[in-house]
Each structure stands twice: as C-alpha cells, then as structure tokens.
Amino acid sequence: MEEKKVKEFISKELLKFNFIRCTKGYKYLKESILLCINNIDNMENLNKNIFTQIAIKYNEKSFFNVKWCIEQSLKTMINNTKISVISTYFNLDENIRPSVKFFIYTIVSKYYNEIL
C-alpha cells in the first residue's frame, strides 16, 4: 500500500511537467525517484546506487545508458514546459536548468516535506 502511494505522488509531481511519458528515460526517472524515496542514502551516488541498479533490472549495457536516457527525457521536458513552471517548481532563475540529481532530489524532498 505504501509503495502505491509513493508511486502516485511521483506521478502527480511529474504531471506538472510536459514529459513524453512513453520513453525509457521517463520510466527510468520514475524508478530513480522511487528508489531514492525508499532509501534516501541512494542520493549520495546516483550512478552507483541507482542507475546501476536500473541498468541491471532493464538489461541495459551500462548505467551510462540509463543516465543518458534520463538526461534526454529531461532536456525534452525542459523544451516542452514553460520555463516559468520549471523555475517556480525548483526555485531557480529562469536561465538555469535543473540537473538530473537536482531534479530527483527536489521531488524526493517534496515527498518527505508533504507526505511525512
């Protein structure tokens, strides 16, 4: 039951942005956020703790493939979402784009601030 609530929270947060939801990158991003919520210590090293785990689960050759897919998904989202939405959500200047780690960290933080 708890994991269902976490997944619903993640989906609700990601709906605030214009992602292409049928891509590997989007799927890997959701999985990354879920794994970080389940164990906040995973945020220390996403390549080792998260992307490697996802690469194994989905039979990717390397964690680099997972990271690249997520980065491409984020780039597309940034191009498709109003910059004011992104800057307000992440509390960034309009000329600054969130990195993969910052994107994941912000959603994980919102989960802990709102849900717990």
C-alpha atoms as a PDB file:
ATOM      1  CA  MET A   1       0.000   0.000   0.000  1.00  0.00           C
ATOM      2  CA  GLU A   2       2.782   2.430   0.886  1.00  0.00           C
ATOM      3  CA  GLU A   3       4.576   1.897  -2.440  1.00  0.00           C
ATOM      4  CA  LYS A   4       1.345   2.621  -4.299  1.00  0.00           C
ATOM      5  CA  LYS A   5       1.055   5.986  -2.504  1.00  0.00           C
ATOM      6  CA  VAL A   6       4.663   6.806  -3.306  1.00  0.00           C
ATOM      7  CA  LYS A   7       4.159   5.973  -6.991  1.00  0.00           C
ATOM      8  CA  GLU A   8       1.008   8.113  -7.074  1.00  0.00           C
ATOM      9  CA  PHE A   9       2.922  11.013  -5.539  1.00  0.00           C
ATOM     10  CA  ILE A  10       5.723  10.671  -8.099  1.00  0.00           C
ATOM     11  CA  SER A  11       3.259  10.545 -10.996  1.00  0.00           C
ATOM     12  CA  LYS A  12       1.378  13.569  -9.659  1.00  0.00           C
ATOM     13  CA  GLU A  13       4.582  15.587  -9.392  1.00  0.00           C
ATOM     14  CA  LEU A  14       5.823  14.604 -12.844  1.00  0.00           C
ATOM     15  CA  LEU A  15       2.470  15.565 -14.385  1.00  0.00           C
ATOM     16  CA  LYS A  16       3.359  19.175 -13.599  1.00  0.00           C
ATOM     17  CA  PHE A  17       5.868  18.988 -16.461  1.00  0.00           C
ATOM     18  CA  ASN A  18       5.449  18.127 -20.139  1.00  0.00           C
ATOM     19  CA  PHE A  19       7.351  14.855 -20.328  1.00  0.00           C
ATOM     20  CA  ILE A  20       6.986  12.377 -23.144  1.00  0.00           C
ATOM     21  CA  ARG A  21       5.748   9.570 -20.921  1.00  0.00           C
ATOM     22  CA  CYS A  22       6.338   6.620 -23.255  1.00  0.00           C
ATOM     23  CA  THR A  23      10.153   6.861 -23.211  1.00  0.00           C
ATOM     24  CA  LYS A  24      12.749   4.801 -21.399  1.00  0.00           C
ATOM     25  CA  GLY A  25      14.118   7.972 -19.838  1.00  0.00           C
ATOM     26  CA  TYR A  26      10.785   8.805 -18.221  1.00  0.00           C
ATOM     27  CA  LYS A  27      10.428   5.251 -16.920  1.00  0.00           C
ATOM     28  CA  TYR A  28      13.986   5.317 -15.555  1.00  0.00           C
ATOM     29  CA  LEU A  29      13.403   8.730 -13.970  1.00  0.00           C
ATOM     30  CA  LYS A  30      10.298   7.492 -12.136  1.00  0.00           C
ATOM     31  CA  GLU A  31      12.176   4.413 -10.971  1.00  0.00           C
ATOM     32  CA  SER A  32      15.121   6.542  -9.803  1.00  0.00           C
ATOM     33  CA  ILE A  33      12.861   8.785  -7.743  1.00  0.00           C
ATOM     34  CA  LEU A  34      11.123   5.754  -6.203  1.00  0.00           C
ATOM     35  CA  LEU A  35      14.437   4.138  -5.255  1.00  0.00           C
ATOM     36  CA  CYS A  36      15.647   7.384  -3.667  1.00  0.00           C
ATOM     37  CA  ILE A  37      12.432   7.820  -1.688  1.00  0.00           C
ATOM     38  CA  ASN A  38      12.740   4.239  -0.461  1.00  0.00           C
ATOM     39  CA  ASN A  39      16.335   4.866   0.627  1.00  0.00           C
ATOM     40  CA  ILE A  40      17.457   8.494   0.853  1.00  0.00           C
ATOM     41  CA  ASP A  41      21.107   7.391   1.125  1.00  0.00           C
ATOM     42  CA  ASN A  42      20.922   6.417  -2.555  1.00  0.00           C
ATOM     43  CA  MET A  43      21.115  10.124  -3.407  1.00  0.00           C
ATOM     44  CA  GLU A  44      24.819  10.157  -2.479  1.00  0.00           C
ATOM     45  CA  ASN A  45      25.901   8.444  -5.695  1.00  0.00           C
ATOM     46  CA  LEU A  46      23.181   8.062  -8.317  1.00  0.00           C
ATOM     47  CA  ASN A  47      25.498   6.319 -10.794  1.00  0.00           C
ATOM     48  CA  LYS A  48      26.498   3.609  -8.340  1.00  0.00           C
ATOM     49  CA  ASN A  49      23.366   3.279  -6.201  1.00  0.00           C
ATOM     50  CA  ILE A  50      20.520   3.951  -8.620  1.00  0.00           C
ATOM     51  CA  PHE A  51      21.477   3.934 -12.299  1.00  0.00           C
ATOM     52  CA  THR A  52      23.458   0.693 -11.995  1.00  0.00           C
ATOM     53  CA  GLN A  53      20.509  -0.993 -10.295  1.00  0.00           C
ATOM     54  CA  ILE A  54      18.129   0.174 -13.042  1.00  0.00           C
ATOM     55  CA  ALA A  55      20.573  -0.903 -15.770  1.00  0.00           C
ATOM     56  CA  ILE A  56      20.634  -4.420 -14.336  1.00  0.00           C
ATOM     57  CA  LYS A  57      16.844  -4.558 -13.953  1.00  0.00           C
ATOM     58  CA  TYR A  58      16.188  -3.463 -17.549  1.00  0.00           C
ATOM     59  CA  ASN A  59      19.182  -5.241 -19.144  1.00  0.00           C
ATOM     60  CA  GLU A  60      20.967  -2.057 -20.204  1.00  0.00           C
ATOM     61  CA  LYS A  61      24.661  -2.407 -21.023  1.00  0.00           C
ATOM     62  CA  SER A  62      25.750   0.286 -18.584  1.00  0.00           C
ATOM     63  CA  PHE A  63      24.490   2.818 -16.082  1.00  0.00           C
ATOM     64  CA  PHE A  64      25.621   5.419 -18.632  1.00  0.00           C
ATOM     65  CA  ASN A  65      22.730   4.338 -20.876  1.00  0.00           C
ATOM     66  CA  VAL A  66      20.264   4.863 -18.037  1.00  0.00           C
ATOM     67  CA  LYS A  67      21.699   8.271 -17.193  1.00  0.00           C
ATOM     68  CA  TRP A  68      21.719   9.315 -20.867  1.00  0.00           C
ATOM     69  CA  CYS A  69      18.055   8.304 -21.310  1.00  0.00           C
ATOM     70  CA  ILE A  70      17.048  10.306 -18.237  1.00  0.00           C
ATOM     71  CA  GLU A  71      19.081  13.324 -19.398  1.00  0.00           C
ATOM     72  CA  GLN A  72      17.402  13.237 -22.829  1.00  0.00           C
ATOM     73  CA  SER A  73      13.979  12.981 -21.213  1.00  0.00           C
ATOM     74  CA  LEU A  74      14.766  15.992 -19.016  1.00  0.00           C
ATOM     75  CA  LYS A  75      16.041  18.016 -21.999  1.00  0.00           C
ATOM     76  CA  THR A  76      12.841  17.299 -23.922  1.00  0.00           C
ATOM     77  CA  MET A  77      10.723  18.190 -20.897  1.00  0.00           C
ATOM     78  CA  ILE A  78      12.582  21.491 -20.486  1.00  0.00           C
ATOM     79  CA  ASN A  79      11.918  22.324 -24.145  1.00  0.00           C
ATOM     80  CA  ASN A  80       8.221  21.408 -23.829  1.00  0.00           C
ATOM     81  CA  THR A  81       7.425  23.001 -20.453  1.00  0.00           C
ATOM     82  CA  LYS A  82       7.012  26.708 -19.767  1.00  0.00           C
ATOM     83  CA  ILE A  83      10.201  27.984 -18.200  1.00  0.00           C
ATOM     84  CA  SER A  84       8.172  29.757 -15.513  1.00  0.00           C
ATOM     85  CA  VAL A  85       6.764  26.396 -14.357  1.00  0.00           C
ATOM     86  CA  ILE A  86      10.259  24.921 -14.079  1.00  0.00           C
ATOM     87  CA  SER A  87      11.813  27.937 -12.368  1.00  0.00           C
ATOM     88  CA  THR A  88       8.939  28.212  -9.866  1.00  0.00           C
ATOM     89  CA  TYR A  89       8.905  24.492  -9.018  1.00  0.00           C
ATOM     90  CA  PHE A  90      12.671  24.305  -8.498  1.00  0.00           C
ATOM     91  CA  ASN A  91      13.099  27.854  -7.203  1.00  0.00           C
ATOM     92  CA  LEU A  92      15.686  28.602  -9.886  1.00  0.00           C
ATOM     93  CA  ASP A  93      16.428  31.610 -12.042  1.00  0.00           C
ATOM     94  CA  GLU A  94      14.797  31.314 -15.447  1.00  0.00           C
ATOM     95  CA  ASN A  95      18.129  30.829 -17.219  1.00  0.00           C
ATOM     96  CA  ILE A  96      19.168  27.855 -15.043  1.00  0.00           C
ATOM     97  CA  ARG A  97      18.042  24.311 -15.819  1.00  0.00           C
ATOM     98  CA  PRO A  98      17.862  21.568 -13.164  1.00  0.00           C
ATOM     99  CA  SER A  99      20.377  18.726 -13.396  1.00  0.00           C
ATOM    100  CA  VAL A 100      19.247  15.104 -13.128  1.00  0.00           C
ATOM    101  CA  LYS A 101      20.379  14.914  -9.499  1.00  0.00           C
ATOM    102  CA  PHE A 102      18.737  18.216  -8.582  1.00  0.00           C
ATOM    103  CA  PHE A 103      15.501  17.175 -10.292  1.00  0.00           C
ATOM    104  CA  ILE A 104      15.379  13.873  -8.392  1.00  0.00           C
ATOM    105  CA  TYR A 105      16.474  15.483  -5.120  1.00  0.00           C
ATOM    106  CA  THR A 106      13.756  18.143  -5.323  1.00  0.00           C
ATOM    107  CA  ILE A 107      10.963  15.620  -5.832  1.00  0.00           C
ATOM    108  CA  VAL A 108      12.312  13.366  -3.065  1.00  0.00           C
ATOM    109  CA  SER A 109      12.484  16.382  -0.735  1.00  0.00           C
ATOM    110  CA  LYS A 110       8.931  17.407  -1.605  1.00  0.00           C
ATOM    111  CA  TYR A 111       7.787  13.882  -0.785  1.00  0.00           C
ATOM    112  CA  TYR A 112       9.364  13.983   2.653  1.00  0.00           C
ATOM    113  CA  ASN A 113       8.076  17.506   3.317  1.00  0.00           C
ATOM    114  CA  GLU A 114       4.497  16.868   2.185  1.00  0.00           C
ATOM    115  CA  ILE A 115       3.839  13.221   2.976  1.00  0.00           C
ATOM    116  CA  LEU A 116       5.757  12.592   6.176  1.00  0.00           C
END
